[in-house]
Amino acid sequence: MKIDIEGSEFIVLPHMLQTLTLCKDIITSFVIEMHEWAKKSMGSTLTYDELRTMIQKQGCVPSEIVNVDDESFLHDVIVEPNW
């Protein structure tokens, strides 16, 4: 699974942890991009290390986390708002 939701990961991840969704029998592995710029506005202090620790404490075999910050397609499209 890929989670690249432009800051909303700080809302979604706690819910996924509470519902034990991040267990290997549900989600084998996931790629996540955590957007540091969104932490303050989302009221979060969550880090990758904290996420890894929380996943280990779920009481199940945890999903594998793959850390990625892939902006390779950031400038693929030129957006012209006045077209």
PDB file of N, CA and C in Angstrom:
ATOM      1  N   MET A   1       0.845  -1.152   0.000  1.00  0.00           N
ATOM      2  CA  MET A   1       0.000   0.000   0.000  1.00  0.00           C
ATOM      3  C   MET A   1       0.900   1.227   0.000  1.00  0.00           C
ATOM      4  N   LYS A   2       0.438   2.291  -0.638  1.00  0.00           N
ATOM      5  CA  LYS A   2       1.188   3.539  -0.652  1.00  0.00           C
ATOM      6  C   LYS A   2       0.380   4.610   0.074  1.00  0.00           C
ATOM      7  N   ILE A   3       1.037   5.297   1.010  1.00  0.00           N
ATOM      8  CA  ILE A   3       0.418   6.412   1.712  1.00  0.00           C
ATOM      9  C   ILE A   3       1.228   7.658   1.378  1.00  0.00           C
ATOM     10  N   ASP A   4       0.678   8.490   0.533  1.00  0.00           N
ATOM     11  CA  ASP A   4       1.276   9.782   0.186  1.00  0.00           C
ATOM     12  C   ASP A   4       0.110  10.744   0.083  1.00  0.00           C
ATOM     13  N   ILE A   5      -0.360  11.202   1.229  1.00  0.00           N
ATOM     14  CA  ILE A   5      -1.621  11.947   1.277  1.00  0.00           C
ATOM     15  C   ILE A   5      -1.436  13.370   1.818  1.00  0.00           C
ATOM     16  N   GLU A   6      -0.264  13.920   1.498  1.00  0.00           N
ATOM     17  CA  GLU A   6       0.031  15.338   1.701  1.00  0.00           C
ATOM     18  C   GLU A   6      -0.347  15.894   3.068  1.00  0.00           C
ATOM     19  N   GLY A   7       0.095  15.223   4.113  1.00  0.00           N
ATOM     20  CA  GLY A   7      -0.111  15.711   5.472  1.00  0.00           C
ATOM     21  C   GLY A   7      -1.208  14.997   6.234  1.00  0.00           C
ATOM     22  N   SER A   8      -2.157  14.434   5.545  1.00  0.00           N
ATOM     23  CA  SER A   8      -3.260  13.739   6.217  1.00  0.00           C
ATOM     24  C   SER A   8      -2.824  12.431   6.865  1.00  0.00           C
ATOM     25  N   GLU A   9      -1.586  12.012   6.601  1.00  0.00           N
ATOM     26  CA  GLU A   9      -1.079  10.803   7.263  1.00  0.00           C
ATOM     27  C   GLU A   9      -1.092  10.964   8.779  1.00  0.00           C
ATOM     28  N   PHE A  10      -0.994  12.193   9.240  1.00  0.00           N
ATOM     29  CA  PHE A  10      -0.990  12.435  10.684  1.00  0.00           C
ATOM     30  C   PHE A  10      -2.387  12.268  11.300  1.00  0.00           C
ATOM     31  N   ILE A  11      -3.400  12.219  10.468  1.00  0.00           N
ATOM     32  CA  ILE A  11      -4.772  11.916  10.921  1.00  0.00           C
ATOM     33  C   ILE A  11      -5.063  10.431  10.722  1.00  0.00           C
ATOM     34  N   VAL A  12      -4.666   9.893   9.574  1.00  0.00           N
ATOM     35  CA  VAL A  12      -4.994   8.525   9.194  1.00  0.00           C
ATOM     36  C   VAL A  12      -4.216   7.471   9.988  1.00  0.00           C
ATOM     37  N   LEU A  13      -2.924   7.670  10.185  1.00  0.00           N
ATOM     38  CA  LEU A  13      -2.097   6.658  10.857  1.00  0.00           C
ATOM     39  C   LEU A  13      -2.559   6.329  12.278  1.00  0.00           C
ATOM     40  N   PRO A  14      -2.871   7.312  13.126  1.00  0.00           N
ATOM     41  CA  PRO A  14      -3.365   6.953  14.457  1.00  0.00           C
ATOM     42  C   PRO A  14      -4.635   6.098  14.403  1.00  0.00           C
ATOM     43  N   HIS A  15      -5.523   6.400  13.465  1.00  0.00           N
ATOM     44  CA  HIS A  15      -6.744   5.603  13.308  1.00  0.00           C
ATOM     45  C   HIS A  15      -6.402   4.173  12.877  1.00  0.00           C
ATOM     46  N   MET A  16      -5.462   4.036  11.955  1.00  0.00           N
ATOM     47  CA  MET A  16      -5.061   2.705  11.493  1.00  0.00           C
ATOM     48  C   MET A  16      -4.435   1.901  12.630  1.00  0.00           C
ATOM     49  N   LEU A  17      -3.685   2.564  13.481  1.00  0.00           N
ATOM     50  CA  LEU A  17      -3.090   1.880  14.631  1.00  0.00           C
ATOM     51  C   LEU A  17      -4.167   1.444  15.628  1.00  0.00           C
ATOM     52  N   GLN A  18      -5.135   2.303  15.880  1.00  0.00           N
ATOM     53  CA  GLN A  18      -6.217   1.976  16.829  1.00  0.00           C
ATOM     54  C   GLN A  18      -7.053   0.797  16.356  1.00  0.00           C
ATOM     55  N   THR A  19      -7.216   0.665  15.054  1.00  0.00           N
ATOM     56  CA  THR A  19      -8.056  -0.401  14.500  1.00  0.00           C
ATOM     57  C   THR A  19      -7.254  -1.639  14.096  1.00  0.00           C
ATOM     58  N   LEU A  20      -5.960  -1.657  14.447  1.00  0.00           N
ATOM     59  CA  LEU A  20      -5.065  -2.778  14.136  1.00  0.00           C
ATOM     60  C   LEU A  20      -5.007  -3.088  12.639  1.00  0.00           C
ATOM     61  N   THR A  21      -5.121  -2.050  11.844  1.00  0.00           N
ATOM     62  CA  THR A  21      -5.056  -2.220  10.391  1.00  0.00           C
ATOM     63  C   THR A  21      -3.629  -2.451   9.909  1.00  0.00           C
ATOM     64  N   LEU A  22      -2.645  -1.968  10.665  1.00  0.00           N
ATOM     65  CA  LEU A  22      -1.250  -2.093  10.242  1.00  0.00           C
ATOM     66  C   LEU A  22      -0.622  -3.389  10.726  1.00  0.00           C
ATOM     67  N   CYS A  23      -1.361  -4.474  10.558  1.00  0.00           N
ATOM     68  CA  CYS A  23      -0.889  -5.827  10.861  1.00  0.00           C
ATOM     69  C   CYS A  23      -0.633  -6.544   9.539  1.00  0.00           C
ATOM     70  N   LYS A  24       0.390  -7.362   9.523  1.00  0.00           N
ATOM     71  CA  LYS A  24       0.836  -8.024   8.285  1.00  0.00           C
ATOM     72  C   LYS A  24      -0.256  -8.867   7.623  1.00  0.00           C
ATOM     73  N   ASP A  25      -1.200  -9.406   8.409  1.00  0.00           N
ATOM     74  CA  ASP A  25      -2.258 -10.202   7.790  1.00  0.00           C
ATOM     75  C   ASP A  25      -3.306  -9.333   7.085  1.00  0.00           C
ATOM     76  N   ILE A  26      -3.265  -8.038   7.304  1.00  0.00           N
ATOM     77  CA  ILE A  26      -4.185  -7.111   6.627  1.00  0.00           C
ATOM     78  C   ILE A  26      -3.439  -6.328   5.552  1.00  0.00           C
ATOM     79  N   ILE A  27      -2.323  -5.707   5.944  1.00  0.00           N
ATOM     80  CA  ILE A  27      -1.476  -4.956   5.013  1.00  0.00           C
ATOM     81  C   ILE A  27      -0.059  -5.490   5.168  1.00  0.00           C
ATOM     82  N   THR A  28       0.424  -6.193   4.160  1.00  0.00           N
ATOM     83  CA  THR A  28       1.750  -6.819   4.231  1.00  0.00           C
ATOM     84  C   THR A  28       2.838  -5.777   4.431  1.00  0.00           C
ATOM     85  N   SER A  29       2.827  -4.756   3.591  1.00  0.00           N
ATOM     86  CA  SER A  29       3.808  -3.680   3.714  1.00  0.00           C
ATOM     87  C   SER A  29       3.218  -2.411   3.128  1.00  0.00           C
ATOM     88  N   PHE A  30       3.800  -1.297   3.532  1.00  0.00           N
ATOM     89  CA  PHE A  30       3.334  -0.035   2.977  1.00  0.00           C
ATOM     90  C   PHE A  30       4.484   0.948   2.843  1.00  0.00           C
ATOM     91  N   VAL A  31       4.356   1.773   1.831  1.00  0.00           N
ATOM     92  CA  VAL A  31       5.294   2.852   1.561  1.00  0.00           C
ATOM     93  C   VAL A  31       4.629   4.112   2.073  1.00  0.00           C
ATOM     94  N   ILE A  32       5.378   4.907   2.793  1.00  0.00           N
ATOM     95  CA  ILE A  32       4.791   6.125   3.344  1.00  0.00           C
ATOM     96  C   ILE A  32       5.720   7.305   3.159  1.00  0.00           C
ATOM     97  N   GLU A  33       5.126   8.427   2.820  1.00  0.00           N
ATOM     98  CA  GLU A  33       5.848   9.687   2.801  1.00  0.00           C
ATOM     99  C   GLU A  33       5.208  10.560   3.867  1.00  0.00           C
ATOM    100  N   MET A  34       5.977  10.879   4.897  1.00  0.00           N
ATOM    101  CA  MET A  34       5.478  11.740   5.961  1.00  0.00           C
ATOM    102  C   MET A  34       5.924  13.170   5.670  1.00  0.00           C
ATOM    103  N   HIS A  35       4.966  14.062   5.608  1.00  0.00           N
ATOM    104  CA  HIS A  35       5.220  15.448   5.225  1.00  0.00           C
ATOM    105  C   HIS A  35       5.436  16.303   6.468  1.00  0.00           C
ATOM    106  N   GLU A  36       6.692  16.584   6.744  1.00  0.00           N
ATOM    107  CA  GLU A  36       7.062  17.328   7.944  1.00  0.00           C
ATOM    108  C   GLU A  36       6.368  18.686   8.017  1.00  0.00           C
ATOM    109  N   TRP A  37       6.160  19.319   6.881  1.00  0.00           N
ATOM    110  CA  TRP A  37       5.546  20.639   6.861  1.00  0.00           C
ATOM    111  C   TRP A  37       4.119  20.636   7.412  1.00  0.00           C
ATOM    112  N   ALA A  38       3.472  19.474   7.435  1.00  0.00           N
ATOM    113  CA  ALA A  38       2.071  19.393   7.857  1.00  0.00           C
ATOM    114  C   ALA A  38       1.891  19.091   9.339  1.00  0.00           C
ATOM    115  N   LYS A  39       2.960  18.718  10.018  1.00  0.00           N
ATOM    116  CA  LYS A  39       2.844  18.297  11.419  1.00  0.00           C
ATOM    117  C   LYS A  39       2.149  19.336  12.291  1.00  0.00           C
ATOM    118  N   LYS A  40       2.600  20.567  12.219  1.00  0.00           N
ATOM    119  CA  LYS A  40       2.060  21.613  13.091  1.00  0.00           C
ATOM    120  C   LYS A  40       0.571  21.837  12.823  1.00  0.00           C
ATOM    121  N   SER A  41       0.196  21.971  11.572  1.00  0.00           N
ATOM    122  CA  SER A  41      -1.215  22.234  11.258  1.00  0.00           C
ATOM    123  C   SER A  41      -2.114  21.039  11.582  1.00  0.00           C
ATOM    124  N   MET A  42      -1.551  19.834  11.596  1.00  0.00           N
ATOM    125  CA  MET A  42      -2.317  18.638  11.942  1.00  0.00           C
ATOM    126  C   MET A  42      -2.236  18.325  13.435  1.00  0.00           C
ATOM    127  N   GLY A  43      -1.476  19.130  14.181  1.00  0.00           N
ATOM    128  CA  GLY A  43      -1.347  18.923  15.615  1.00  0.00           C
ATOM    129  C   GLY A  43      -0.652  17.624  15.975  1.00  0.00           C
ATOM    130  N   SER A  44       0.366  17.272  15.207  1.00  0.00           N
ATOM    131  CA  SER A  44       1.053  15.992  15.406  1.00  0.00           C
ATOM    132  C   SER A  44       2.542  16.197  15.665  1.00  0.00           C
ATOM    133  N   THR A  45       3.121  15.245  16.362  1.00  0.00           N
ATOM    134  CA  THR A  45       4.572  15.207  16.554  1.00  0.00           C
ATOM    135  C   THR A  45       5.122  13.852  16.086  1.00  0.00           C
ATOM    136  N   LEU A  46       4.286  13.058  15.434  1.00  0.00           N
ATOM    137  CA  LEU A  46       4.640  11.695  15.029  1.00  0.00           C
ATOM    138  C   LEU A  46       5.859  11.676  14.112  1.00  0.00           C
ATOM    139  N   THR A  47       6.797  10.777  14.422  1.00  0.00           N
ATOM    140  CA  THR A  47       7.993  10.581  13.604  1.00  0.00           C
ATOM    141  C   THR A  47       7.996   9.144  13.078  1.00  0.00           C
ATOM    142  N   TYR A  48       8.889   8.862  12.132  1.00  0.00           N
ATOM    143  CA  TYR A  48       9.025   7.494  11.634  1.00  0.00           C
ATOM    144  C   TYR A  48       9.365   6.538  12.772  1.00  0.00           C
ATOM    145  N   ASP A  49      10.297   6.953  13.624  1.00  0.00           N
ATOM    146  CA  ASP A  49      10.711   6.081  14.729  1.00  0.00           C
ATOM    147  C   ASP A  49       9.549   5.786  15.667  1.00  0.00           C
ATOM    148  N   GLU A  50       8.758   6.800  15.984  1.00  0.00           N
ATOM    149  CA  GLU A  50       7.587   6.594  16.845  1.00  0.00           C
ATOM    150  C   GLU A  50       6.568   5.680  16.174  1.00  0.00           C
ATOM    151  N   LEU A  51       6.376   5.870  14.880  1.00  0.00           N
ATOM    152  CA  LEU A  51       5.447   5.014  14.135  1.00  0.00           C
ATOM    153  C   LEU A  51       5.906   3.562  14.187  1.00  0.00           C
ATOM    154  N   ARG A  52       7.180   3.330  13.960  1.00  0.00           N
ATOM    155  CA  ARG A  52       7.723   1.964  14.021  1.00  0.00           C
ATOM    156  C   ARG A  52       7.508   1.348  15.405  1.00  0.00           C
ATOM    157  N   THR A  53       7.753   2.105  16.449  1.00  0.00           N
ATOM    158  CA  THR A  53       7.545   1.618  17.813  1.00  0.00           C
ATOM    159  C   THR A  53       6.078   1.291  18.062  1.00  0.00           C
ATOM    160  N   MET A  54       5.179   2.172  17.638  1.00  0.00           N
ATOM    161  CA  MET A  54       3.745   1.961  17.843  1.00  0.00           C
ATOM    162  C   MET A  54       3.246   0.735  17.092  1.00  0.00           C
ATOM    163  N   ILE A  55       3.757   0.523  15.883  1.00  0.00           N
ATOM    164  CA  ILE A  55       3.350  -0.639  15.092  1.00  0.00           C
ATOM    165  C   ILE A  55       3.778  -1.929  15.784  1.00  0.00           C
ATOM    166  N   GLN A  56       4.967  -1.915  16.375  1.00  0.00           N
ATOM    167  CA  GLN A  56       5.465  -3.106  17.077  1.00  0.00           C
ATOM    168  C   GLN A  56       4.609  -3.460  18.290  1.00  0.00           C
ATOM    169  N   LYS A  57       3.933  -2.475  18.863  1.00  0.00           N
ATOM    170  CA  LYS A  57       3.136  -2.683  20.081  1.00  0.00           C
ATOM    171  C   LYS A  57       1.673  -3.036  19.810  1.00  0.00           C
ATOM    172  N   GLN A  58       1.302  -3.263  18.556  1.00  0.00           N
ATOM    173  CA  GLN A  58      -0.095  -3.543  18.211  1.00  0.00           C
ATOM    174  C   GLN A  58      -0.598  -4.888  18.710  1.00  0.00           C
ATOM    175  N   GLY A  59       0.293  -5.807  19.005  1.00  0.00           N
ATOM    176  CA  GLY A  59      -0.144  -7.137  19.428  1.00  0.00           C
ATOM    177  C   GLY A  59      -0.395  -8.070  18.264  1.00  0.00           C
ATOM    178  N   CYS A  60       0.243  -7.779  17.130  1.00  0.00           N
ATOM    179  CA  CYS A  60       0.140  -8.631  15.941  1.00  0.00           C
ATOM    180  C   CYS A  60       1.478  -8.569  15.223  1.00  0.00           C
ATOM    181  N   VAL A  61       1.626  -9.364  14.178  1.00  0.00           N
ATOM    182  CA  VAL A  61       2.818  -9.250  13.338  1.00  0.00           C
ATOM    183  C   VAL A  61       2.645  -7.963  12.537  1.00  0.00           C
ATOM    184  N   PRO A  62       3.533  -6.983  12.718  1.00  0.00           N
ATOM    185  CA  PRO A  62       3.333  -5.673  12.102  1.00  0.00           C
ATOM    186  C   PRO A  62       3.585  -5.648  10.597  1.00  0.00           C
ATOM    187  N   SER A  63       2.893  -4.752   9.930  1.00  0.00           N
ATOM    188  CA  SER A  63       3.166  -4.474   8.520  1.00  0.00           C
ATOM    189  C   SER A  63       4.577  -3.922   8.407  1.00  0.00           C
ATOM    190  N   GLU A  64       5.216  -4.172   7.281  1.00  0.00           N
ATOM    191  CA  GLU A  64       6.553  -3.626   7.034  1.00  0.00           C
ATOM    192  C   GLU A  64       6.409  -2.196   6.533  1.00  0.00           C
ATOM    193  N   ILE A  65       7.196  -1.284   7.086  1.00  0.00           N
ATOM    194  CA  ILE A  65       7.181   0.117   6.653  1.00  0.00           C
ATOM    195  C   ILE A  65       8.355   0.359   5.720  1.00  0.00           C
ATOM    196  N   VAL A  66       8.081   0.954   4.567  1.00  0.00           N
ATOM    197  CA  VAL A  66       9.115   1.350   3.628  1.00  0.00           C
ATOM    198  C   VAL A  66       9.077   2.871   3.567  1.00  0.00           C
ATOM    199  N   ASN A  67      10.134   3.510   4.031  1.00  0.00           N
ATOM    200  CA  ASN A  67      10.211   4.969   4.064  1.00  0.00           C
ATOM    201  C   ASN A  67      10.596   5.473   2.676  1.00  0.00           C
ATOM    202  N   VAL A  68       9.848   6.447   2.187  1.00  0.00           N
ATOM    203  CA  VAL A  68      10.173   7.014   0.879  1.00  0.00           C
ATOM    204  C   VAL A  68       9.809   8.495   0.866  1.00  0.00           C
ATOM    205  N   ASP A  69      10.621   9.233   0.183  1.00  0.00           N
ATOM    206  CA  ASP A  69      10.318  10.634  -0.063  1.00  0.00           C
ATOM    207  C   ASP A  69      10.595  10.844  -1.539  1.00  0.00           C
ATOM    208  N   ASP A  70       9.641  10.448  -2.342  1.00  0.00           N
ATOM    209  CA  ASP A  70       9.819  10.430  -3.794  1.00  0.00           C
ATOM    210  C   ASP A  70       9.107  11.608  -4.434  1.00  0.00           C
ATOM    211  N   GLU A  71       9.866  12.591  -4.823  1.00  0.00           N
ATOM    212  CA  GLU A  71       9.306  13.748  -5.520  1.00  0.00           C
ATOM    213  C   GLU A  71       9.756  13.743  -6.983  1.00  0.00           C
ATOM    214  N   SER A  72      10.069  12.559  -7.510  1.00  0.00           N
ATOM    215  CA  SER A  72      10.612  12.473  -8.860  1.00  0.00           C
ATOM    216  C   SER A  72       9.633  12.919  -9.948  1.00  0.00           C
ATOM    217  N   PHE A  73       8.345  12.948  -9.630  1.00  0.00           N
ATOM    218  CA  PHE A  73       7.356  13.369 -10.623  1.00  0.00           C
ATOM    219  C   PHE A  73       6.768  14.739 -10.294  1.00  0.00           C
ATOM    220  N   LEU A  74       7.376  15.443  -9.363  1.00  0.00           N
ATOM    221  CA  LEU A  74       6.849  16.710  -8.882  1.00  0.00           C
ATOM    222  C   LEU A  74       6.644  17.727 -10.004  1.00  0.00           C
ATOM    223  N   HIS A  75       7.557  17.753 -10.961  1.00  0.00           N
ATOM    224  CA  HIS A  75       7.474  18.761 -12.018  1.00  0.00           C
ATOM    225  C   HIS A  75       7.155  18.143 -13.382  1.00  0.00           C
ATOM    226  N   ASP A  76       6.482  17.012 -13.396  1.00  0.00           N
ATOM    227  CA  ASP A  76       6.116  16.343 -14.646  1.00  0.00           C
ATOM    228  C   ASP A  76       5.091  17.128 -15.461  1.00  0.00           C
ATOM    229  N   VAL A  77       4.228  17.822 -14.786  1.00  0.00           N
ATOM    230  CA  VAL A  77       3.136  18.520 -15.465  1.00  0.00           C
ATOM    231  C   VAL A  77       3.222  19.997 -15.151  1.00  0.00           C
ATOM    232  N   ILE A  78       3.077  20.791 -16.169  1.00  0.00           N
ATOM    233  CA  ILE A  78       3.036  22.239 -15.958  1.00  0.00           C
ATOM    234  C   ILE A  78       1.564  22.613 -15.826  1.00  0.00           C
ATOM    235  N   VAL A  79       1.235  23.191 -14.699  1.00  0.00           N
ATOM    236  CA  VAL A  79      -0.143  23.589 -14.446  1.00  0.00           C
ATOM    237  C   VAL A  79      -0.289  25.066 -14.775  1.00  0.00           C
ATOM    238  N   GLU A  80      -1.168  25.349 -15.692  1.00  0.00           N
ATOM    239  CA  GLU A  80      -1.451  26.723 -16.098  1.00  0.00           C
ATOM    240  C   GLU A  80      -2.898  27.029 -15.708  1.00  0.00           C
ATOM    241  N   PRO A  81      -3.111  27.713 -14.593  1.00  0.00           N
ATOM    242  CA  PRO A  81      -4.467  27.919 -14.105  1.00  0.00           C
ATOM    243  C   PRO A  81      -5.331  28.798 -15.025  1.00  0.00           C
ATOM    244  N   ASN A  82      -4.745  29.543 -15.939  1.00  0.00           N
ATOM    245  CA  ASN A  82      -5.536  30.432 -16.795  1.00  0.00           C
ATOM    246  C   ASN A  82      -5.809  29.863 -18.182  1.00  0.00           C
ATOM    247  N   TRP A  83      -5.600  28.563 -18.365  1.00  0.00           N
ATOM    248  CA  TRP A  83      -5.863  27.960 -19.682  1.00  0.00           C
ATOM    249  C   TRP A  83      -7.310  28.010 -19.988  1.00  0.00           C
TER     250      TRP A  83
END
